[in-house]
Amino acid sequence: MAKKIVNKSVSFNVVDPFQQQMKEHVDQYPNFSAYIKRLIQRDMEGGNAVRTIKKAPAPAVTNLSMTQLNGIKL
């Protein structure tokens, strides 16, 4: 019996720190396809065993002077 295989690709924009972090995470798995299939299976089963990757919060800016705000449109 002949196999019918469909390929789906995933692209990572490594300039984006969040996507770079995801790429580095999946690089630790030697079988990328099996890893992605397990994630899809967990999602289909309603599981939440997938570890989320969070972006670092932007630093808060306080006490700006009018000189520092010069040229910034609010």
C-alpha atoms as a PDB file:
ATOM      1  CA  MET A   1       0.000   0.000   0.000  1.00  0.00           C
ATOM      2  CA  ALA A   2       1.383   3.416  -0.969  1.00  0.00           C
ATOM      3  CA  LYS A   3       1.958   6.063   1.664  1.00  0.00           C
ATOM      4  CA  LYS A   4       0.357   9.438   1.334  1.00  0.00           C
ATOM      5  CA  ILE A   5       2.302  11.989   3.351  1.00  0.00           C
ATOM      6  CA  VAL A   6       1.425  15.666   3.658  1.00  0.00           C
ATOM      7  CA  ASN A   7       4.124  18.093   4.785  1.00  0.00           C
ATOM      8  CA  LYS A   8       3.375  21.260   6.757  1.00  0.00           C
ATOM      9  CA  SER A   9       6.179  23.678   7.486  1.00  0.00           C
ATOM     10  CA  VAL A  10       6.785  26.011  10.409  1.00  0.00           C
ATOM     11  CA  SER A  11       8.818  29.176   9.973  1.00  0.00           C
ATOM     12  CA  PHE A  12      10.589  31.067  12.737  1.00  0.00           C
ATOM     13  CA  ASN A  13      11.541  34.732  12.372  1.00  0.00           C
ATOM     14  CA  VAL A  14      14.757  34.619  14.419  1.00  0.00           C
ATOM     15  CA  VAL A  15      14.921  38.435  14.532  1.00  0.00           C
ATOM     16  CA  ASP A  16      11.876  38.311  16.857  1.00  0.00           C
ATOM     17  CA  PRO A  17      13.175  37.342  20.331  1.00  0.00           C
ATOM     18  CA  PHE A  18       9.972  35.403  21.128  1.00  0.00           C
ATOM     19  CA  GLN A  19      10.193  33.318  17.964  1.00  0.00           C
ATOM     20  CA  GLN A  20      13.936  32.808  18.498  1.00  0.00           C
ATOM     21  CA  GLN A  21      13.155  31.458  21.973  1.00  0.00           C
ATOM     22  CA  MET A  22      10.592  29.051  20.493  1.00  0.00           C
ATOM     23  CA  LYS A  23      13.085  27.861  17.870  1.00  0.00           C
ATOM     24  CA  GLU A  24      15.743  27.247  20.513  1.00  0.00           C
ATOM     25  CA  HIS A  25      13.213  25.244  22.512  1.00  0.00           C
ATOM     26  CA  VAL A  26      12.215  22.950  19.636  1.00  0.00           C
ATOM     27  CA  ASP A  27      15.850  22.496  18.587  1.00  0.00           C
ATOM     28  CA  GLN A  28      16.353  20.318  21.665  1.00  0.00           C
ATOM     29  CA  TYR A  29      14.051  17.656  20.167  1.00  0.00           C
ATOM     30  CA  PRO A  30      15.716  15.421  17.563  1.00  0.00           C
ATOM     31  CA  ASN A  31      12.353  14.505  15.976  1.00  0.00           C
ATOM     32  CA  PHE A  32      10.602  17.835  15.357  1.00  0.00           C
ATOM     33  CA  SER A  33       7.687  16.175  13.550  1.00  0.00           C
ATOM     34  CA  ALA A  34       6.893  13.828  16.443  1.00  0.00           C
ATOM     35  CA  TYR A  35       7.150  16.701  18.941  1.00  0.00           C
ATOM     36  CA  ILE A  36       4.673  18.846  16.991  1.00  0.00           C
ATOM     37  CA  LYS A  37       2.297  15.893  16.582  1.00  0.00           C
ATOM     38  CA  ARG A  38       2.319  15.331  20.364  1.00  0.00           C
ATOM     39  CA  LEU A  39       1.476  19.016  20.915  1.00  0.00           C
ATOM     40  CA  ILE A  40      -1.396  18.764  18.435  1.00  0.00           C
ATOM     41  CA  GLN A  41      -2.665  15.596  20.132  1.00  0.00           C
ATOM     42  CA  ARG A  42      -2.624  17.286  23.556  1.00  0.00           C
ATOM     43  CA  ASP A  43      -4.515  20.235  22.118  1.00  0.00           C
ATOM     44  CA  MET A  44      -7.121  17.961  20.521  1.00  0.00           C
ATOM     45  CA  GLU A  45      -7.588  16.151  23.844  1.00  0.00           C
ATOM     46  CA  GLY A  46      -8.078  19.446  25.661  1.00  0.00           C
ATOM     47  CA  GLY A  47      -4.868  19.076  27.639  1.00  0.00           C
ATOM     48  CA  ASN A  48      -2.838  21.972  28.863  1.00  0.00           C
ATOM     49  CA  ALA A  49       0.482  20.223  29.394  1.00  0.00           C
ATOM     50  CA  VAL A  50       2.156  22.562  26.941  1.00  0.00           C
ATOM     51  CA  ARG A  51       4.555  24.944  28.642  1.00  0.00           C
ATOM     52  CA  THR A  52       3.915  28.520  27.586  1.00  0.00           C
ATOM     53  CA  ILE A  53       6.702  30.903  26.689  1.00  0.00           C
ATOM     54  CA  LYS A  54       6.170  34.415  27.958  1.00  0.00           C
ATOM     55  CA  LYS A  55       7.705  37.574  26.638  1.00  0.00           C
ATOM     56  CA  ALA A  56       9.605  39.654  29.152  1.00  0.00           C
ATOM     57  CA  PRO A  57       7.538  42.683  30.159  1.00  0.00           C
ATOM     58  CA  ALA A  58       8.658  46.016  28.813  1.00  0.00           C
ATOM     59  CA  PRO A  59      10.358  48.163  31.429  1.00  0.00           C
ATOM     60  CA  ALA A  60       8.102  50.792  32.951  1.00  0.00           C
ATOM     61  CA  VAL A  61       8.945  54.402  32.126  1.00  0.00           C
ATOM     62  CA  THR A  62       8.192  56.929  34.836  1.00  0.00           C
ATOM     63  CA  ASN A  63       9.054  60.523  35.649  1.00  0.00           C
ATOM     64  CA  LEU A  64       9.786  61.694  32.121  1.00  0.00           C
ATOM     65  CA  SER A  65      10.680  65.329  31.679  1.00  0.00           C
ATOM     66  CA  MET A  66       9.356  67.508  28.863  1.00  0.00           C
ATOM     67  CA  THR A  67      12.878  67.429  27.357  1.00  0.00           C
ATOM     68  CA  GLN A  68      12.737  63.621  27.171  1.00  0.00           C
ATOM     69  CA  LEU A  69       9.264  63.764  25.614  1.00  0.00           C
ATOM     70  CA  ASN A  70      10.329  66.276  22.953  1.00  0.00           C
ATOM     71  CA  GLY A  71       9.267  64.937  19.565  1.00  0.00           C
ATOM     72  CA  ILE A  72       7.083  62.121  20.957  1.00  0.00           C
ATOM     73  CA  LYS A  73       3.489  62.289  19.756  1.00  0.00           C
ATOM     74  CA  LEU A  74       1.027  61.304  22.448  1.00  0.00           C
END
